[in-house]
């Protein structure tokens, strides 16, 4: 359908879609990072001192929060939607945490999430 709207071949649409996705993944490396070192301490302090959104709720030793609503992605109508748990189980993050949990979630720290993200 896109090839008809833009009057280009399906091969061109696929080529530029691949280039666009590669560019996004290249940007991801600089934008979305796992907290480590002094950054990890900054993140945990932020959760310990949070009071604006959580009504003075203190969350000690939390290194992150996970939810499927941070980045809205609209599912194509022909394939429908996929539950957060399935997306997480198929992700490289789940695979990496499963292989080496201590590297990603050091002892005594936590990631808060709903039931879609059991670790």
PDB file of N, CA and C in Angstrom:
ATOM      1  N   UNK A   1       0.820  -1.191   0.000  1.00  0.00           N
ATOM      2  CA  UNK A   1       0.000   0.000   0.000  1.00  0.00           C
ATOM      3  C   UNK A   1       0.868   1.260   0.000  1.00  0.00           C
ATOM      4  N   UNK A   2       1.926   1.277   0.792  1.00  0.00           N
ATOM      5  CA  UNK A   2       2.805   2.440   0.844  1.00  0.00           C
ATOM      6  C   UNK A   2       3.466   2.690  -0.507  1.00  0.00           C
ATOM      7  N   UNK A   3       3.812   1.608  -1.179  1.00  0.00           N
ATOM      8  CA  UNK A   3       4.444   1.759  -2.493  1.00  0.00           C
ATOM      9  C   UNK A   3       3.496   2.434  -3.489  1.00  0.00           C
ATOM     10  N   UNK A   4       2.201   2.193  -3.352  1.00  0.00           N
ATOM     11  CA  UNK A   4       1.223   2.842  -4.229  1.00  0.00           C
ATOM     12  C   UNK A   4       1.071   4.317  -3.887  1.00  0.00           C
ATOM     13  N   UNK A   5       1.050   4.621  -2.606  1.00  0.00           N
ATOM     14  CA  UNK A   5       0.902   6.016  -2.178  1.00  0.00           C
ATOM     15  C   UNK A   5       2.106   6.839  -2.622  1.00  0.00           C
ATOM     16  N   UNK A   6       3.309   6.281  -2.448  1.00  0.00           N
ATOM     17  CA  UNK A   6       4.531   7.009  -2.781  1.00  0.00           C
ATOM     18  C   UNK A   6       4.986   6.792  -4.219  1.00  0.00           C
ATOM     19  N   UNK A   7       4.327   5.886  -4.927  1.00  0.00           N
ATOM     20  CA  UNK A   7       4.664   5.541  -6.311  1.00  0.00           C
ATOM     21  C   UNK A   7       6.116   5.069  -6.429  1.00  0.00           C
ATOM     22  N   UNK A   8       6.471   4.115  -5.548  1.00  0.00           N
ATOM     23  CA  UNK A   8       7.794   3.488  -5.580  1.00  0.00           C
ATOM     24  C   UNK A   8       7.604   1.978  -5.486  1.00  0.00           C
ATOM     25  N   UNK A   9       8.661   1.247  -5.774  1.00  0.00           N
ATOM     26  CA  UNK A   9       8.557  -0.219  -5.747  1.00  0.00           C
ATOM     27  C   UNK A   9       8.546  -0.745  -4.314  1.00  0.00           C
ATOM     28  N   UNK A  10       8.042  -1.977  -4.145  1.00  0.00           N
ATOM     29  CA  UNK A  10       8.048  -2.638  -2.830  1.00  0.00           C
ATOM     30  C   UNK A  10       9.491  -2.791  -2.336  1.00  0.00           C
ATOM     31  N   UNK A  11      10.413  -3.063  -3.263  1.00  0.00           N
ATOM     32  CA  UNK A  11      11.821  -3.179  -2.884  1.00  0.00           C
ATOM     33  C   UNK A  11      12.370  -1.897  -2.288  1.00  0.00           C
ATOM     34  N   UNK A  12      11.980  -0.764  -2.842  1.00  0.00           N
ATOM     35  CA  UNK A  12      12.424   0.535  -2.302  1.00  0.00           C
ATOM     36  C   UNK A  12      11.849   0.773  -0.918  1.00  0.00           C
ATOM     37  N   UNK A  13      10.575   0.443  -0.751  1.00  0.00           N
ATOM     38  CA  UNK A  13       9.952   0.598   0.571  1.00  0.00           C
ATOM     39  C   UNK A  13      10.689  -0.266   1.588  1.00  0.00           C
ATOM     40  N   UNK A  14      10.973  -1.517   1.253  1.00  0.00           N
ATOM     41  CA  UNK A  14      11.692  -2.417   2.165  1.00  0.00           C
ATOM     42  C   UNK A  14      13.084  -1.891   2.468  1.00  0.00           C
ATOM     43  N   UNK A  15      13.780  -1.422   1.445  1.00  0.00           N
ATOM     44  CA  UNK A  15      15.147  -0.911   1.612  1.00  0.00           C
ATOM     45  C   UNK A  15      15.168   0.275   2.574  1.00  0.00           C
ATOM     46  N   UNK A  16      14.291   1.249   2.336  1.00  0.00           N
ATOM     47  CA  UNK A  16      14.294   2.430   3.190  1.00  0.00           C
ATOM     48  C   UNK A  16      13.743   2.149   4.579  1.00  0.00           C
ATOM     49  N   UNK A  17      12.828   1.195   4.689  1.00  0.00           N
ATOM     50  CA  UNK A  17      12.345   0.785   6.010  1.00  0.00           C
ATOM     51  C   UNK A  17      13.490   0.170   6.809  1.00  0.00           C
ATOM     52  N   UNK A  18      14.276  -0.692   6.174  1.00  0.00           N
ATOM     53  CA  UNK A  18      15.435  -1.291   6.841  1.00  0.00           C
ATOM     54  C   UNK A  18      16.438  -0.232   7.270  1.00  0.00           C
ATOM     55  N   UNK A  19      16.706   0.734   6.395  1.00  0.00           N
ATOM     56  CA  UNK A  19      17.655   1.806   6.736  1.00  0.00           C
ATOM     57  C   UNK A  19      17.148   2.643   7.905  1.00  0.00           C
ATOM     58  N   UNK A  20      15.841   2.934   7.900  1.00  0.00           N
ATOM     59  CA  UNK A  20      15.248   3.716   8.975  1.00  0.00           C
ATOM     60  C   UNK A  20      15.349   2.974  10.309  1.00  0.00           C
ATOM     61  N   UNK A  21      15.008   1.690  10.317  1.00  0.00           N
ATOM     62  CA  UNK A  21      15.074   0.906  11.550  1.00  0.00           C
ATOM     63  C   UNK A  21      16.513   0.783  12.058  1.00  0.00           C
ATOM     64  N   UNK A  22      17.471   0.618  11.160  1.00  0.00           N
ATOM     65  CA  UNK A  22      18.879   0.564  11.563  1.00  0.00           C
ATOM     66  C   UNK A  22      19.299   1.888  12.194  1.00  0.00           C
ATOM     67  N   UNK A  23      18.866   2.997  11.607  1.00  0.00           N
ATOM     68  CA  UNK A  23      19.193   4.309  12.172  1.00  0.00           C
ATOM     69  C   UNK A  23      18.600   4.456  13.570  1.00  0.00           C
ATOM     70  N   UNK A  24      17.360   3.994  13.777  1.00  0.00           N
ATOM     71  CA  UNK A  24      16.753   4.045  15.108  1.00  0.00           C
ATOM     72  C   UNK A  24      17.536   3.207  16.113  1.00  0.00           C
ATOM     73  N   UNK A  25      17.953   2.018  15.696  1.00  0.00           N
ATOM     74  CA  UNK A  25      18.722   1.154  16.590  1.00  0.00           C
ATOM     75  C   UNK A  25      20.076   1.768  16.920  1.00  0.00           C
ATOM     76  N   UNK A  26      20.687   2.456  15.956  1.00  0.00           N
ATOM     77  CA  UNK A  26      21.950   3.143  16.228  1.00  0.00           C
ATOM     78  C   UNK A  26      21.756   4.254  17.248  1.00  0.00           C
ATOM     79  N   UNK A  27      20.650   4.981  17.148  1.00  0.00           N
ATOM     80  CA  UNK A  27      20.345   6.041  18.111  1.00  0.00           C
ATOM     81  C   UNK A  27      20.048   5.472  19.495  1.00  0.00           C
ATOM     82  N   UNK A  28      19.403   4.317  19.521  1.00  0.00           N
ATOM     83  CA  UNK A  28      19.022   3.679  20.788  1.00  0.00           C
ATOM     84  C   UNK A  28      20.234   3.478  21.688  1.00  0.00           C
ATOM     85  N   UNK A  29      21.365   3.126  21.105  1.00  0.00           N
ATOM     86  CA  UNK A  29      22.563   2.858  21.896  1.00  0.00           C
ATOM     87  C   UNK A  29      22.982   4.068  22.708  1.00  0.00           C
ATOM     88  N   UNK A  30      22.708   5.271  22.187  1.00  0.00           N
ATOM     89  CA  UNK A  30      23.085   6.495  22.892  1.00  0.00           C
ATOM     90  C   UNK A  30      21.979   7.026  23.785  1.00  0.00           C
ATOM     91  N   UNK A  31      20.752   6.651  23.538  1.00  0.00           N
ATOM     92  CA  UNK A  31      19.609   7.218  24.260  1.00  0.00           C
ATOM     93  C   UNK A  31      19.090   6.328  25.385  1.00  0.00           C
ATOM     94  N   UNK A  32      19.002   5.036  25.123  1.00  0.00           N
ATOM     95  CA  UNK A  32      18.443   4.112  26.100  1.00  0.00           C
ATOM     96  C   UNK A  32      19.586   3.270  26.642  1.00  0.00           C
ATOM     97  N   UNK A  33      19.983   3.549  27.870  1.00  0.00           N
ATOM     98  CA  UNK A  33      21.103   2.829  28.464  1.00  0.00           C
ATOM     99  C   UNK A  33      20.691   2.281  29.823  1.00  0.00           C
ATOM    100  N   UNK A  34      21.313   1.187  30.195  1.00  0.00           N
ATOM    101  CA  UNK A  34      21.054   0.582  31.487  1.00  0.00           C
ATOM    102  C   UNK A  34      21.911   1.292  32.526  1.00  0.00           C
ATOM    103  N   UNK A  35      21.352   1.664  33.680  1.00  0.00           N
ATOM    104  CA  UNK A  35      22.146   2.393  34.677  1.00  0.00           C
ATOM    105  C   UNK A  35      23.269   1.535  35.257  1.00  0.00           C
ATOM    106  N   UNK A  36      24.462   2.090  35.257  1.00  0.00           N
ATOM    107  CA  UNK A  36      25.630   1.417  35.828  1.00  0.00           C
ATOM    108  C   UNK A  36      26.485   2.454  36.536  1.00  0.00           C
ATOM    109  N   UNK A  37      27.306   2.002  37.463  1.00  0.00           N
ATOM    110  CA  UNK A  37      28.239   2.883  38.157  1.00  0.00           C
ATOM    111  C   UNK A  37      27.548   4.024  38.871  1.00  0.00           C
ATOM    112  N   UNK A  38      28.067   5.251  38.691  1.00  0.00           N
ATOM    113  CA  UNK A  38      27.505   6.413  39.379  1.00  0.00           C
ATOM    114  C   UNK A  38      26.086   6.713  38.895  1.00  0.00           C
ATOM    115  N   UNK A  39      25.785   6.359  37.648  1.00  0.00           N
ATOM    116  CA  UNK A  39      24.432   6.549  37.133  1.00  0.00           C
ATOM    117  C   UNK A  39      23.436   5.672  37.903  1.00  0.00           C
ATOM    118  N   UNK A  40      23.855   4.472  38.255  1.00  0.00           N
ATOM    119  CA  UNK A  40      23.008   3.562  39.032  1.00  0.00           C
ATOM    120  C   UNK A  40      22.664   4.184  40.382  1.00  0.00           C
ATOM    121  N   UNK A  41      23.650   4.795  41.009  1.00  0.00           N
ATOM    122  CA  UNK A  41      23.426   5.458  42.301  1.00  0.00           C
ATOM    123  C   UNK A  41      22.456   6.626  42.142  1.00  0.00           C
ATOM    124  N   UNK A  42      22.595   7.378  41.074  1.00  0.00           N
ATOM    125  CA  UNK A  42      21.692   8.509  40.813  1.00  0.00           C
ATOM    126  C   UNK A  42      20.260   8.030  40.637  1.00  0.00           C
ATOM    127  N   UNK A  43      20.081   6.944  39.902  1.00  0.00           N
ATOM    128  CA  UNK A  43      18.734   6.404  39.663  1.00  0.00           C
ATOM    129  C   UNK A  43      18.117   5.917  40.972  1.00  0.00           C
ATOM    130  N   UNK A  44      18.862   5.151  41.765  1.00  0.00           N
ATOM    131  CA  UNK A  44      18.303   4.645  43.022  1.00  0.00           C
ATOM    132  C   UNK A  44      17.963   5.787  43.972  1.00  0.00           C
ATOM    133  N   UNK A  45      18.788   6.812  44.007  1.00  0.00           N
ATOM    134  CA  UNK A  45      18.480   7.975  44.861  1.00  0.00           C
ATOM    135  C   UNK A  45      17.211   8.679  44.385  1.00  0.00           C
ATOM    136  N   UNK A  46      17.028   8.725  43.073  1.00  0.00           N
ATOM    137  CA  UNK A  46      15.810   9.340  42.535  1.00  0.00           C
ATOM    138  C   UNK A  46      14.559   8.616  42.986  1.00  0.00           C
ATOM    139  N   UNK A  47      14.581   7.291  42.965  1.00  0.00           N
ATOM    140  CA  UNK A  47      13.432   6.524  43.447  1.00  0.00           C
ATOM    141  C   UNK A  47      13.264   6.643  44.959  1.00  0.00           C
ATOM    142  N   UNK A  48      14.373   6.713  45.683  1.00  0.00           N
ATOM    143  CA  UNK A  48      14.280   6.846  47.144  1.00  0.00           C
ATOM    144  C   UNK A  48      13.701   8.196  47.551  1.00  0.00           C
ATOM    145  N   UNK A  49      13.935   9.210  46.758  1.00  0.00           N
ATOM    146  CA  UNK A  49      13.506  10.563  47.108  1.00  0.00           C
ATOM    147  C   UNK A  49      12.272  11.027  46.349  1.00  0.00           C
ATOM    148  N   UNK A  50      11.653  10.140  45.586  1.00  0.00           N
ATOM    149  CA  UNK A  50      10.499  10.557  44.790  1.00  0.00           C
ATOM    150  C   UNK A  50       9.341  10.909  45.690  1.00  0.00           C
ATOM    151  N   UNK A  51       8.744  12.066  45.420  1.00  0.00           N
ATOM    152  CA  UNK A  51       7.557  12.422  46.193  1.00  0.00           C
ATOM    153  C   UNK A  51       6.522  13.147  45.340  1.00  0.00           C
ATOM    154  N   UNK A  52       6.884  13.596  44.163  1.00  0.00           N
ATOM    155  CA  UNK A  52       5.926  14.337  43.343  1.00  0.00           C
ATOM    156  C   UNK A  52       4.847  13.414  42.778  1.00  0.00           C
ATOM    157  N   UNK A  53       5.239  12.425  42.030  1.00  0.00           N
ATOM    158  CA  UNK A  53       4.275  11.562  41.351  1.00  0.00           C
ATOM    159  C   UNK A  53       3.709  10.488  42.274  1.00  0.00           C
ATOM    160  N   UNK A  54       4.486  10.032  43.238  1.00  0.00           N
ATOM    161  CA  UNK A  54       4.069   8.905  44.066  1.00  0.00           C
ATOM    162  C   UNK A  54       3.551   9.317  45.440  1.00  0.00           C
ATOM    163  N   UNK A  55       3.327  10.581  45.667  1.00  0.00           N
ATOM    164  CA  UNK A  55       2.775  11.022  46.940  1.00  0.00           C
ATOM    165  C   UNK A  55       3.653  10.652  48.123  1.00  0.00           C
ATOM    166  N   UNK A  56       4.925  11.013  48.053  1.00  0.00           N
ATOM    167  CA  UNK A  56       5.912  10.789  49.116  1.00  0.00           C
ATOM    168  C   UNK A  56       6.214   9.323  49.360  1.00  0.00           C
ATOM    169  N   UNK A  57       5.993   8.498  48.366  1.00  0.00           N
ATOM    170  CA  UNK A  57       6.321   7.084  48.467  1.00  0.00           C
ATOM    171  C   UNK A  57       7.806   6.908  48.232  1.00  0.00           C
ATOM    172  N   UNK A  58       8.493   6.271  49.150  1.00  0.00           N
ATOM    173  CA  UNK A  58       9.928   6.026  49.022  1.00  0.00           C
ATOM    174  C   UNK A  58      10.134   4.615  48.504  1.00  0.00           C
ATOM    175  N   UNK A  59      10.958   4.476  47.479  1.00  0.00           N
ATOM    176  CA  UNK A  59      11.202   3.175  46.869  1.00  0.00           C
ATOM    177  C   UNK A  59      12.700   2.882  46.924  1.00  0.00           C
ATOM    178  N   UNK A  60      13.182   2.342  48.032  1.00  0.00           N
ATOM    179  CA  UNK A  60      14.620   2.082  48.169  1.00  0.00           C
ATOM    180  C   UNK A  60      15.094   0.943  47.274  1.00  0.00           C
ATOM    181  N   UNK A  61      16.313   1.068  46.775  1.00  0.00           N
ATOM    182  CA  UNK A  61      17.005   0.039  45.988  1.00  0.00           C
ATOM    183  C   UNK A  61      16.355  -0.267  44.646  1.00  0.00           C
ATOM    184  N   UNK A  62      15.548   0.639  44.120  1.00  0.00           N
ATOM    185  CA  UNK A  62      14.928   0.451  42.813  1.00  0.00           C
ATOM    186  C   UNK A  62      15.839   1.064  41.754  1.00  0.00           C
ATOM    187  N   UNK A  63      16.162   0.269  40.720  1.00  0.00           N
ATOM    188  CA  UNK A  63      17.038   0.760  39.661  1.00  0.00           C
ATOM    189  C   UNK A  63      16.287   1.062  38.367  1.00  0.00           C
ATOM    190  N   UNK A  64      14.987   0.797  38.352  1.00  0.00           N
ATOM    191  CA  UNK A  64      14.215   1.097  37.153  1.00  0.00           C
ATOM    192  C   UNK A  64      12.777   0.675  37.267  1.00  0.00           C
ATOM    193  N   UNK A  65      11.976   1.164  36.342  1.00  0.00           N
ATOM    194  CA  UNK A  65      10.563   0.813  36.271  1.00  0.00           C
ATOM    195  C   UNK A  65      10.256   0.441  34.827  1.00  0.00           C
ATOM    196  N   UNK A  66       9.429  -0.580  34.650  1.00  0.00           N
ATOM    197  CA  UNK A  66       9.134  -1.081  33.324  1.00  0.00           C
ATOM    198  C   UNK A  66       7.630  -1.111  33.096  1.00  0.00           C
ATOM    199  N   UNK A  67       7.218  -0.594  31.934  1.00  0.00           N
ATOM    200  CA  UNK A  67       5.814  -0.652  31.554  1.00  0.00           C
ATOM    201  C   UNK A  67       5.736  -0.527  30.044  1.00  0.00           C
ATOM    202  N   UNK A  68       4.755  -1.131  29.461  1.00  0.00           N
ATOM    203  CA  UNK A  68       4.591  -1.089  28.016  1.00  0.00           C
ATOM    204  C   UNK A  68       4.034   0.219  27.498  1.00  0.00           C
ATOM    205  N   UNK A  69       3.749   1.174  28.355  1.00  0.00           N
ATOM    206  CA  UNK A  69       3.148   2.427  27.925  1.00  0.00           C
ATOM    207  C   UNK A  69       4.137   3.560  27.727  1.00  0.00           C
ATOM    208  N   UNK A  70       5.419   3.316  27.910  1.00  0.00           N
ATOM    209  CA  UNK A  70       6.388   4.395  27.753  1.00  0.00           C
ATOM    210  C   UNK A  70       6.545   4.821  26.301  1.00  0.00           C
ATOM    211  N   UNK A  71       6.471   3.867  25.383  1.00  0.00           N
ATOM    212  CA  UNK A  71       6.597   4.163  23.961  1.00  0.00           C
ATOM    213  C   UNK A  71       5.379   3.576  23.261  1.00  0.00           C
ATOM    214  N   UNK A  72       4.422   4.416  22.854  1.00  0.00           N
ATOM    215  CA  UNK A  72       3.225   3.878  22.209  1.00  0.00           C
ATOM    216  C   UNK A  72       3.543   3.333  20.820  1.00  0.00           C
ATOM    217  N   UNK A  73       3.154   2.094  20.586  1.00  0.00           N
ATOM    218  CA  UNK A  73       3.315   1.468  19.282  1.00  0.00           C
ATOM    219  C   UNK A  73       1.957   0.921  18.876  1.00  0.00           C
ATOM    220  N   UNK A  74       1.473   1.352  17.739  1.00  0.00           N
ATOM    221  CA  UNK A  74       0.166   0.917  17.265  1.00  0.00           C
ATOM    222  C   UNK A  74       0.331  -0.334  16.417  1.00  0.00           C
ATOM    223  N   UNK A  75      -0.346  -1.389  16.809  1.00  0.00           N
ATOM    224  CA  UNK A  75      -0.236  -2.673  16.106  1.00  0.00           C
ATOM    225  C   UNK A  75      -0.923  -2.601  14.757  1.00  0.00           C
ATOM    226  N   UNK A  76      -0.343  -3.249  13.746  1.00  0.00           N
ATOM    227  CA  UNK A  76      -1.015  -3.300  12.448  1.00  0.00           C
ATOM    228  C   UNK A  76      -2.324  -4.087  12.556  1.00  0.00           C
ATOM    229  N   UNK A  77      -3.341  -3.650  11.833  1.00  0.00           N
ATOM    230  CA  UNK A  77      -4.658  -4.288  11.950  1.00  0.00           C
ATOM    231  C   UNK A  77      -4.645  -5.741  11.502  1.00  0.00           C
ATOM    232  N   UNK A  78      -3.796  -6.102  10.546  1.00  0.00           N
ATOM    233  CA  UNK A  78      -3.803  -7.480  10.062  1.00  0.00           C
ATOM    234  C   UNK A  78      -3.164  -8.457  11.032  1.00  0.00           C
ATOM    235  N   UNK A  79      -2.290  -7.992  11.931  1.00  0.00           N
ATOM    236  CA  UNK A  79      -1.641  -8.889  12.889  1.00  0.00           C
ATOM    237  C   UNK A  79      -2.168  -8.723  14.307  1.00  0.00           C
ATOM    238  N   UNK A  80      -2.955  -7.686  14.574  1.00  0.00           N
ATOM    239  CA  UNK A  80      -3.517  -7.477  15.901  1.00  0.00           C
ATOM    240  C   UNK A  80      -2.481  -7.029  16.902  1.00  0.00           C
ATOM    241  N   UNK A  81      -2.793  -7.157  18.197  1.00  0.00           N
ATOM    242  CA  UNK A  81      -1.894  -6.692  19.245  1.00  0.00           C
ATOM    243  C   UNK A  81      -1.220  -7.878  19.927  1.00  0.00           C
ATOM    244  N   UNK A  82      -0.168  -7.573  20.672  1.00  0.00           N
ATOM    245  CA  UNK A  82       0.588  -8.583  21.404  1.00  0.00           C
ATOM    246  C   UNK A  82       0.690  -8.119  22.853  1.00  0.00           C
ATOM    247  N   UNK A  83       0.499  -9.018  23.783  1.00  0.00           N
ATOM    248  CA  UNK A  83       0.568  -8.702  25.204  1.00  0.00           C
ATOM    249  C   UNK A  83       1.985  -8.312  25.600  1.00  0.00           C
ATOM    250  N   UNK A  84       2.098  -7.411  26.577  1.00  0.00           N
ATOM    251  CA  UNK A  84       3.403  -6.963  27.070  1.00  0.00           C
ATOM    252  C   UNK A  84       4.315  -8.124  27.453  1.00  0.00           C
ATOM    253  N   UNK A  85       3.744  -9.142  28.075  1.00  0.00           N
ATOM    254  CA  UNK A  85       4.550 -10.289  28.516  1.00  0.00           C
ATOM    255  C   UNK A  85       5.217 -10.984  27.335  1.00  0.00           C
ATOM    256  N   UNK A  86       4.505 -11.134  26.238  1.00  0.00           N
ATOM    257  CA  UNK A  86       5.080 -11.798  25.062  1.00  0.00           C
ATOM    258  C   UNK A  86       6.206 -10.958  24.470  1.00  0.00           C
ATOM    259  N   UNK A  87       5.993  -9.649  24.386  1.00  0.00           N
ATOM    260  CA  UNK A  87       7.038  -8.765  23.873  1.00  0.00           C
ATOM    261  C   UNK A  87       8.272  -8.861  24.761  1.00  0.00           C
ATOM    262  N   UNK A  88       8.073  -8.842  26.073  1.00  0.00           N
ATOM    263  CA  UNK A  88       9.199  -8.917  27.007  1.00  0.00           C
ATOM    264  C   UNK A  88       9.934 -10.251  26.888  1.00  0.00           C
ATOM    265  N   UNK A  89       9.185 -11.351  26.850  1.00  0.00           N
ATOM    266  CA  UNK A  89       9.822 -12.672  26.747  1.00  0.00           C
ATOM    267  C   UNK A  89      10.622 -12.836  25.461  1.00  0.00           C
ATOM    268  N   UNK A  90      10.232 -12.132  24.418  1.00  0.00           N
ATOM    269  CA  UNK A  90      10.945 -12.235  23.138  1.00  0.00           C
ATOM    270  C   UNK A  90      12.080 -11.212  23.032  1.00  0.00           C
ATOM    271  N   UNK A  91      12.220 -10.343  24.013  1.00  0.00           N
ATOM    272  CA  UNK A  91      13.209  -9.272  23.933  1.00  0.00           C
ATOM    273  C   UNK A  91      14.610  -9.742  24.318  1.00  0.00           C
ATOM    274  N   UNK A  92      15.593  -9.020  23.825  1.00  0.00           N
ATOM    275  CA  UNK A  92      16.977  -9.309  24.203  1.00  0.00           C
ATOM    276  C   UNK A  92      17.204  -8.982  25.676  1.00  0.00           C
ATOM    277  N   UNK A  93      16.458  -8.016  26.227  1.00  0.00           N
ATOM    278  CA  UNK A  93      16.606  -7.685  27.640  1.00  0.00           C
ATOM    279  C   UNK A  93      16.253  -8.883  28.519  1.00  0.00           C
ATOM    280  N   UNK A  94      15.137  -9.535  28.254  1.00  0.00           N
ATOM    281  CA  UNK A  94      14.755 -10.711  29.035  1.00  0.00           C
ATOM    282  C   UNK A  94      15.813 -11.797  28.911  1.00  0.00           C
ATOM    283  N   UNK A  95      16.293 -12.008  27.709  1.00  0.00           N
ATOM    284  CA  UNK A  95      17.324 -13.025  27.476  1.00  0.00           C
ATOM    285  C   UNK A  95      18.595 -12.708  28.272  1.00  0.00           C
ATOM    286  N   UNK A  96      19.041 -11.465  28.213  1.00  0.00           N
ATOM    287  CA  UNK A  96      20.264 -11.071  28.919  1.00  0.00           C
ATOM    288  C   UNK A  96      20.103 -11.165  30.439  1.00  0.00           C
ATOM    289  N   UNK A  97      18.967 -10.708  30.956  1.00  0.00           N
ATOM    290  CA  UNK A  97      18.736 -10.780  32.402  1.00  0.00           C
ATOM    291  C   UNK A  97      18.675 -12.237  32.846  1.00  0.00           C
ATOM    292  N   UNK A  98      18.049 -13.093  32.050  1.00  0.00           N
ATOM    293  CA  UNK A  98      17.958 -14.515  32.393  1.00  0.00           C
ATOM    294  C   UNK A  98      19.334 -15.169  32.452  1.00  0.00           C
ATOM    295  N   UNK A  99      20.228 -14.772  31.552  1.00  0.00           N
ATOM    296  CA  UNK A  99      21.567 -15.364  31.513  1.00  0.00           C
ATOM    297  C   UNK A  99      22.482 -14.859  32.626  1.00  0.00           C
ATOM    298  N   UNK A 100      22.351 -13.592  32.976  1.00  0.00           N
ATOM    299  CA  UNK A 100      23.263 -13.008  33.960  1.00  0.00           C
ATOM    300  C   UNK A 100      22.544 -11.942  34.780  1.00  0.00           C
ATOM    301  N   UNK A 101      21.655 -12.384  35.638  1.00  0.00           N
ATOM    302  CA  UNK A 101      20.819 -11.466  36.417  1.00  0.00           C
ATOM    303  C   UNK A 101      21.641 -10.512  37.277  1.00  0.00           C
ATOM    304  N   UNK A 102      22.712 -10.986  37.874  1.00  0.00           N
ATOM    305  CA  UNK A 102      23.509 -10.149  38.777  1.00  0.00           C
ATOM    306  C   UNK A 102      24.146  -8.960  38.056  1.00  0.00           C
ATOM    307  N   UNK A 103      24.468  -9.120  36.801  1.00  0.00           N
ATOM    308  CA  UNK A 103      25.036  -8.019  36.025  1.00  0.00           C
ATOM    309  C   UNK A 103      24.006  -6.916  35.802  1.00  0.00           C
ATOM    310  N   UNK A 104      22.773  -7.318  35.506  1.00  0.00           N
ATOM    311  CA  UNK A 104      21.725  -6.361  35.169  1.00  0.00           C
ATOM    312  C   UNK A 104      20.987  -5.828  36.389  1.00  0.00           C
ATOM    313  N   UNK A 105      20.766  -6.688  37.367  1.00  0.00           N
ATOM    314  CA  UNK A 105      20.034  -6.298  38.575  1.00  0.00           C
ATOM    315  C   UNK A 105      20.871  -6.758  39.766  1.00  0.00           C
ATOM    316  N   UNK A 106      21.839  -5.924  40.172  1.00  0.00           N
ATOM    317  CA  UNK A 106      22.743  -6.321  41.262  1.00  0.00           C
ATOM    318  C   UNK A 106      21.982  -6.671  42.533  1.00  0.00           C
ATOM    319  N   UNK A 107      22.538  -7.574  43.327  1.00  0.00           N
ATOM    320  CA  UNK A 107      21.909  -8.019  44.574  1.00  0.00           C
ATOM    321  C   UNK A 107      21.399  -6.875  45.415  1.00  0.00           C
ATOM    322  N   UNK A 108      20.189  -7.022  45.888  1.00  0.00           N
ATOM    323  CA  UNK A 108      19.589  -6.001  46.743  1.00  0.00           C
ATOM    324  C   UNK A 108      18.889  -4.893  45.990  1.00  0.00           C
ATOM    325  N   UNK A 109      18.918  -4.924  44.646  1.00  0.00           N
ATOM    326  CA  UNK A 109      18.209  -3.903  43.870  1.00  0.00           C
ATOM    327  C   UNK A 109      17.031  -4.537  43.149  1.00  0.00           C
ATOM    328  N   UNK A 110      16.130  -3.675  42.678  1.00  0.00           N
ATOM    329  CA  UNK A 110      14.884  -4.154  42.082  1.00  0.00           C
ATOM    330  C   UNK A 110      14.515  -3.333  40.856  1.00  0.00           C
ATOM    331  N   UNK A 111      13.760  -3.971  39.980  1.00  0.00           N
ATOM    332  CA  UNK A 111      13.069  -3.290  38.893  1.00  0.00           C
ATOM    333  C   UNK A 111      11.585  -3.422  39.223  1.00  0.00           C
ATOM    334  N   UNK A 112      10.873  -2.321  39.268  1.00  0.00           N
ATOM    335  CA  UNK A 112       9.441  -2.401  39.545  1.00  0.00           C
ATOM    336  C   UNK A 112       8.679  -2.473  38.223  1.00  0.00           C
ATOM    337  N   UNK A 113       7.661  -3.321  38.193  1.00  0.00           N
ATOM    338  CA  UNK A 113       6.846  -3.501  36.991  1.00  0.00           C
ATOM    339  C   UNK A 113       5.553  -4.213  37.374  1.00  0.00           C
ATOM    340  N   UNK A 114       4.642  -4.273  36.427  1.00  0.00           N
ATOM    341  CA  UNK A 114       3.419  -5.027  36.698  1.00  0.00           C
ATOM    342  C   UNK A 114       3.631  -6.504  36.373  1.00  0.00           C
ATOM    343  N   UNK A 115       2.580  -7.289  36.494  1.00  0.00           N
ATOM    344  CA  UNK A 115       2.682  -8.742  36.363  1.00  0.00           C
ATOM    345  C   UNK A 115       3.082  -9.210  34.966  1.00  0.00           C
ATOM    346  N   UNK A 116       3.067  -8.329  33.967  1.00  0.00           N
ATOM    347  CA  UNK A 116       3.454  -8.728  32.615  1.00  0.00           C
ATOM    348  C   UNK A 116       4.959  -8.988  32.517  1.00  0.00           C
ATOM    349  N   UNK A 117       5.715  -8.571  33.524  1.00  0.00           N
ATOM    350  CA  UNK A 117       7.172  -8.676  33.471  1.00  0.00           C
ATOM    351  C   UNK A 117       7.748  -9.504  34.606  1.00  0.00           C
ATOM    352  N   UNK A 118       7.354 -10.770  34.741  1.00  0.00           N
ATOM    353  CA  UNK A 118       7.911 -11.573  35.836  1.00  0.00           C
ATOM    354  C   UNK A 118       9.375 -11.948  35.536  1.00  0.00           C
ATOM    355  N   UNK A 119      10.204 -11.790  36.532  1.00  0.00           N
ATOM    356  CA  UNK A 119      11.627 -12.171  36.361  1.00  0.00           C
ATOM    357  C   UNK A 119      11.978 -13.261  37.345  1.00  0.00           C
TER     358      UNK A 119
END
